[in-house]
Amino acid sequence: MKTGYKIKELGKNFFKCGVAGWCLEVLFTSAGSIAVHDWRLMGNTSLIMFPIYGLGALLSPIGKAVDRWLQVSQEEVLTRMDRNIRHGMLYMVLIFVAEYLFGMALQAGGVCPWDYSGLHSNVNGLIRLDFAPLWFMTGLLFEQITKKKGA
């Protein structure tokens, strides 16, 4: 496969993940307004989040590399459920690491669009451990939307 094609495909997937992440964030934040009885369901996100979500395009290639690394023999075949659990857990950890590191960098620049301080299960106000199921599913969603047709 040509390098130019891979870069073009990665660029398309970066865009897909960036847009999908924005949409998920707007839906999630608007659903949160129900808790405060704001029936306008106003959601929000930040332009800063687009490239962060766009990095979700790297999840599937990392998942495939880990599969190759962990495969004991050619005969070993993971069930779809085992593969989804392996990938979901891997993606969840990678997303937490990225959220924490980007949060630290953005906080240092005074432009971090999120602050979980004071909320339960937060780590330094940068990540929330109770979001683990959300990141698990988001990682699998990014894997699906970046999958080649017919694969």
C-alpha atoms as a PDB file:
ATOM      1  CA  MET A   1       0.000   0.000   0.000  1.00  0.00           C
ATOM      2  CA  LYS A   2       1.381   3.392  -0.949  1.00  0.00           C
ATOM      3  CA  THR A   3       2.336   5.826   1.808  1.00  0.00           C
ATOM      4  CA  GLY A   4       0.362   8.628   0.129  1.00  0.00           C
ATOM      5  CA  TYR A   5      -2.789   6.508   0.262  1.00  0.00           C
ATOM      6  CA  LYS A   6      -2.257   5.717   3.950  1.00  0.00           C
ATOM      7  CA  ILE A   7      -1.795   9.394   4.788  1.00  0.00           C
ATOM      8  CA  LYS A   8      -4.904  10.344   2.794  1.00  0.00           C
ATOM      9  CA  GLU A   9      -6.906   7.589   4.531  1.00  0.00           C
ATOM     10  CA  LEU A  10      -5.593   8.689   7.938  1.00  0.00           C
ATOM     11  CA  GLY A  11      -6.580  12.282   7.109  1.00  0.00           C
ATOM     12  CA  LYS A  12     -10.119  11.208   6.218  1.00  0.00           C
ATOM     13  CA  ASN A  13     -10.351   9.145   9.396  1.00  0.00           C
ATOM     14  CA  PHE A  14      -8.981  12.055  11.456  1.00  0.00           C
ATOM     15  CA  PHE A  15     -11.791  14.224  10.078  1.00  0.00           C
ATOM     16  CA  LYS A  16     -14.430  11.519  10.720  1.00  0.00           C
ATOM     17  CA  CYS A  17     -13.309  11.052  14.323  1.00  0.00           C
ATOM     18  CA  GLY A  18     -13.071  14.799  14.931  1.00  0.00           C
ATOM     19  CA  VAL A  19     -16.622  15.384  13.712  1.00  0.00           C
ATOM     20  CA  ALA A  20     -17.969  12.290  15.501  1.00  0.00           C
ATOM     21  CA  GLY A  21     -16.324  13.400  18.750  1.00  0.00           C
ATOM     22  CA  TRP A  22     -17.813  16.873  18.460  1.00  0.00           C
ATOM     23  CA  CYS A  23     -21.263  15.397  17.825  1.00  0.00           C
ATOM     24  CA  LEU A  24     -20.965  12.997  20.755  1.00  0.00           C
ATOM     25  CA  GLU A  25     -19.859  15.806  23.053  1.00  0.00           C
ATOM     26  CA  VAL A  26     -22.747  18.056  22.020  1.00  0.00           C
ATOM     27  CA  LEU A  27     -25.217  15.197  22.534  1.00  0.00           C
ATOM     28  CA  PHE A  28     -23.684  14.290  25.902  1.00  0.00           C
ATOM     29  CA  THR A  29     -23.626  17.853  27.221  1.00  0.00           C
ATOM     30  CA  SER A  30     -27.150  18.554  26.004  1.00  0.00           C
ATOM     31  CA  ALA A  31     -28.415  15.390  27.702  1.00  0.00           C
ATOM     32  CA  GLY A  32     -26.758  16.640  30.905  1.00  0.00           C
ATOM     33  CA  SER A  33     -29.009  19.691  30.821  1.00  0.00           C
ATOM     34  CA  ILE A  34     -31.957  17.393  31.581  1.00  0.00           C
ATOM     35  CA  ALA A  35     -30.538  16.920  35.081  1.00  0.00           C
ATOM     36  CA  VAL A  36     -30.967  20.642  35.740  1.00  0.00           C
ATOM     37  CA  HIS A  37     -34.393  20.722  34.041  1.00  0.00           C
ATOM     38  CA  ASP A  38     -33.184  22.821  31.108  1.00  0.00           C
ATOM     39  CA  TRP A  39     -35.422  21.456  28.376  1.00  0.00           C
ATOM     40  CA  ARG A  40     -33.708  23.529  25.697  1.00  0.00           C
ATOM     41  CA  LEU A  41     -31.086  20.727  25.639  1.00  0.00           C
ATOM     42  CA  MET A  42     -28.256  23.105  24.804  1.00  0.00           C
ATOM     43  CA  GLY A  43     -25.043  21.216  24.130  1.00  0.00           C
ATOM     44  CA  ASN A  44     -21.539  22.573  23.746  1.00  0.00           C
ATOM     45  CA  THR A  45     -18.030  21.725  22.684  1.00  0.00           C
ATOM     46  CA  SER A  46     -14.845  23.587  21.805  1.00  0.00           C
ATOM     47  CA  LEU A  47     -12.885  24.020  18.589  1.00  0.00           C
ATOM     48  CA  ILE A  48      -9.893  22.780  20.580  1.00  0.00           C
ATOM     49  CA  MET A  49     -11.561  19.383  20.869  1.00  0.00           C
ATOM     50  CA  PHE A  50     -11.609  18.653  17.129  1.00  0.00           C
ATOM     51  CA  PRO A  51      -7.946  17.618  16.793  1.00  0.00           C
ATOM     52  CA  ILE A  52      -8.100  15.745  20.099  1.00  0.00           C
ATOM     53  CA  TYR A  53     -11.076  13.696  18.920  1.00  0.00           C
ATOM     54  CA  GLY A  54      -9.440  13.420  15.500  1.00  0.00           C
ATOM     55  CA  LEU A  55      -6.634  11.426  17.063  1.00  0.00           C
ATOM     56  CA  GLY A  56      -9.207   8.663  17.464  1.00  0.00           C
ATOM     57  CA  ALA A  57      -8.149   7.761  13.919  1.00  0.00           C
ATOM     58  CA  LEU A  58      -5.032   6.197  15.463  1.00  0.00           C
ATOM     59  CA  LEU A  59      -6.969   3.795  17.692  1.00  0.00           C
ATOM     60  CA  SER A  60      -7.735   1.123  15.110  1.00  0.00           C
ATOM     61  CA  PRO A  61      -4.149   0.881  13.798  1.00  0.00           C
ATOM     62  CA  ILE A  62      -2.930   0.596  17.398  1.00  0.00           C
ATOM     63  CA  GLY A  63      -5.539  -2.088  18.105  1.00  0.00           C
ATOM     64  CA  LYS A  64      -4.421  -4.072  15.047  1.00  0.00           C
ATOM     65  CA  ALA A  65      -0.764  -3.775  16.089  1.00  0.00           C
ATOM     66  CA  VAL A  66      -1.581  -5.036  19.590  1.00  0.00           C
ATOM     67  CA  ASP A  67      -3.535  -7.957  18.096  1.00  0.00           C
ATOM     68  CA  ARG A  68      -0.508  -8.929  15.982  1.00  0.00           C
ATOM     69  CA  TRP A  69       1.783  -8.582  18.995  1.00  0.00           C
ATOM     70  CA  LEU A  70      -0.423 -10.706  21.297  1.00  0.00           C
ATOM     71  CA  GLN A  71      -1.309 -13.421  18.806  1.00  0.00           C
ATOM     72  CA  VAL A  72       0.245 -16.676  19.992  1.00  0.00           C
ATOM     73  CA  SER A  73      -0.258 -18.630  16.768  1.00  0.00           C
ATOM     74  CA  GLN A  74      -1.923 -18.287  13.388  1.00  0.00           C
ATOM     75  CA  GLU A  75      -4.582 -20.761  14.529  1.00  0.00           C
ATOM     76  CA  GLU A  76      -5.678 -18.577  17.438  1.00  0.00           C
ATOM     77  CA  VAL A  77      -8.773 -16.668  16.500  1.00  0.00           C
ATOM     78  CA  LEU A  78     -10.450 -14.282  18.899  1.00  0.00           C
ATOM     79  CA  THR A  79     -14.196 -14.299  19.089  1.00  0.00           C
ATOM     80  CA  ARG A  80     -15.797 -10.998  18.152  1.00  0.00           C
ATOM     81  CA  MET A  81     -16.725 -10.412  21.816  1.00  0.00           C
ATOM     82  CA  ASP A  82     -13.158 -11.102  23.038  1.00  0.00           C
ATOM     83  CA  ARG A  83     -11.759  -8.777  20.376  1.00  0.00           C
ATOM     84  CA  ASN A  84     -14.232  -6.018  21.270  1.00  0.00           C
ATOM     85  CA  ILE A  85     -13.397  -6.324  24.963  1.00  0.00           C
ATOM     86  CA  ARG A  86      -9.645  -6.264  24.253  1.00  0.00           C
ATOM     87  CA  HIS A  87      -9.938  -3.293  21.930  1.00  0.00           C
ATOM     88  CA  GLY A  88     -12.463  -1.444  24.087  1.00  0.00           C
ATOM     89  CA  MET A  89     -10.227  -1.741  27.156  1.00  0.00           C
ATOM     90  CA  LEU A  90      -7.149  -0.682  25.184  1.00  0.00           C
ATOM     91  CA  TYR A  91      -8.930   2.291  23.633  1.00  0.00           C
ATOM     92  CA  MET A  92     -10.393   3.350  26.986  1.00  0.00           C
ATOM     93  CA  VAL A  93      -6.904   3.451  28.537  1.00  0.00           C
ATOM     94  CA  LEU A  94      -5.440   5.305  25.542  1.00  0.00           C
ATOM     95  CA  ILE A  95      -8.258   7.863  25.613  1.00  0.00           C
ATOM     96  CA  PHE A  96      -7.774   8.422  29.356  1.00  0.00           C
ATOM     97  CA  VAL A  97      -4.025   8.916  28.844  1.00  0.00           C
ATOM     98  CA  ALA A  98      -4.601  11.320  25.952  1.00  0.00           C
ATOM     99  CA  GLU A  99      -7.286  13.245  27.867  1.00  0.00           C
ATOM    100  CA  TYR A 100      -4.999  13.572  30.876  1.00  0.00           C
ATOM    101  CA  LEU A 101      -1.923  14.653  28.882  1.00  0.00           C
ATOM    102  CA  PHE A 102      -3.801  17.083  26.640  1.00  0.00           C
ATOM    103  CA  GLY A 103      -5.645  18.407  29.685  1.00  0.00           C
ATOM    104  CA  MET A 104      -2.332  19.095  31.464  1.00  0.00           C
ATOM    105  CA  ALA A 105      -0.922  20.887  28.425  1.00  0.00           C
ATOM    106  CA  LEU A 106      -4.071  22.922  27.802  1.00  0.00           C
ATOM    107  CA  GLN A 107      -4.423  23.748  31.493  1.00  0.00           C
ATOM    108  CA  ALA A 108      -0.836  25.027  31.531  1.00  0.00           C
ATOM    109  CA  GLY A 109      -1.787  27.341  28.649  1.00  0.00           C
ATOM    110  CA  GLY A 110      -4.990  28.400  30.400  1.00  0.00           C
ATOM    111  CA  VAL A 111      -7.228  27.087  27.605  1.00  0.00           C
ATOM    112  CA  CYS A 112      -8.435  23.687  28.832  1.00  0.00           C
ATOM    113  CA  PRO A 113     -12.136  23.443  27.907  1.00  0.00           C
ATOM    114  CA  TRP A 114     -12.919  20.935  30.677  1.00  0.00           C
ATOM    115  CA  ASP A 115     -12.433  20.883  34.435  1.00  0.00           C
ATOM    116  CA  TYR A 116     -13.714  17.967  36.469  1.00  0.00           C
ATOM    117  CA  SER A 117     -12.484  19.373  39.791  1.00  0.00           C
ATOM    118  CA  GLY A 118     -15.004  18.804  42.534  1.00  0.00           C
ATOM    119  CA  LEU A 119     -16.750  15.996  40.655  1.00  0.00           C
ATOM    120  CA  HIS A 120     -16.549  12.449  41.940  1.00  0.00           C
ATOM    121  CA  SER A 121     -13.939  10.058  40.563  1.00  0.00           C
ATOM    122  CA  ASN A 122     -11.874  12.861  39.003  1.00  0.00           C
ATOM    123  CA  VAL A 123      -8.098  12.683  38.767  1.00  0.00           C
ATOM    124  CA  ASN A 124      -6.543  16.142  39.137  1.00  0.00           C
ATOM    125  CA  GLY A 125      -9.648  17.623  37.507  1.00  0.00           C
ATOM    126  CA  LEU A 126      -8.439  16.265  34.157  1.00  0.00           C
ATOM    127  CA  ILE A 127     -10.202  12.918  33.804  1.00  0.00           C
ATOM    128  CA  ARG A 128     -13.208  11.209  35.355  1.00  0.00           C
ATOM    129  CA  LEU A 129     -12.866   7.503  35.983  1.00  0.00           C
ATOM    130  CA  ASP A 130     -16.642   7.059  35.854  1.00  0.00           C
ATOM    131  CA  PHE A 131     -16.410   7.937  32.149  1.00  0.00           C
ATOM    132  CA  ALA A 132     -14.643   4.606  31.527  1.00  0.00           C
ATOM    133  CA  PRO A 133     -17.695   2.976  29.869  1.00  0.00           C
ATOM    134  CA  LEU A 134     -18.159   6.047  27.661  1.00  0.00           C
ATOM    135  CA  TRP A 135     -14.538   5.952  26.482  1.00  0.00           C
ATOM    136  CA  PHE A 136     -14.744   2.168  26.002  1.00  0.00           C
ATOM    137  CA  MET A 137     -17.712   2.596  23.657  1.00  0.00           C
ATOM    138  CA  THR A 138     -16.318   5.730  21.984  1.00  0.00           C
ATOM    139  CA  GLY A 139     -13.121   3.875  21.117  1.00  0.00           C
ATOM    140  CA  LEU A 140     -15.105   1.049  19.533  1.00  0.00           C
ATOM    141  CA  LEU A 141     -17.243   3.587  17.661  1.00  0.00           C
ATOM    142  CA  PHE A 142     -14.124   5.299  16.280  1.00  0.00           C
ATOM    143  CA  GLU A 143     -12.824   1.881  15.217  1.00  0.00           C
ATOM    144  CA  GLN A 144     -16.067   1.224  13.321  1.00  0.00           C
ATOM    145  CA  ILE A 145     -16.256   4.578  11.572  1.00  0.00           C
ATOM    146  CA  THR A 146     -12.634   4.306  10.421  1.00  0.00           C
ATOM    147  CA  LYS A 147     -12.999   0.715   9.199  1.00  0.00           C
ATOM    148  CA  LYS A 148     -12.481   0.157   5.482  1.00  0.00           C
ATOM    149  CA  LYS A 149     -15.614  -0.787   3.579  1.00  0.00           C
ATOM    150  CA  GLY A 150     -15.892  -4.551   3.286  1.00  0.00           C
ATOM    151  CA  ALA A 151     -13.379  -5.191   6.081  1.00  0.00           C
END
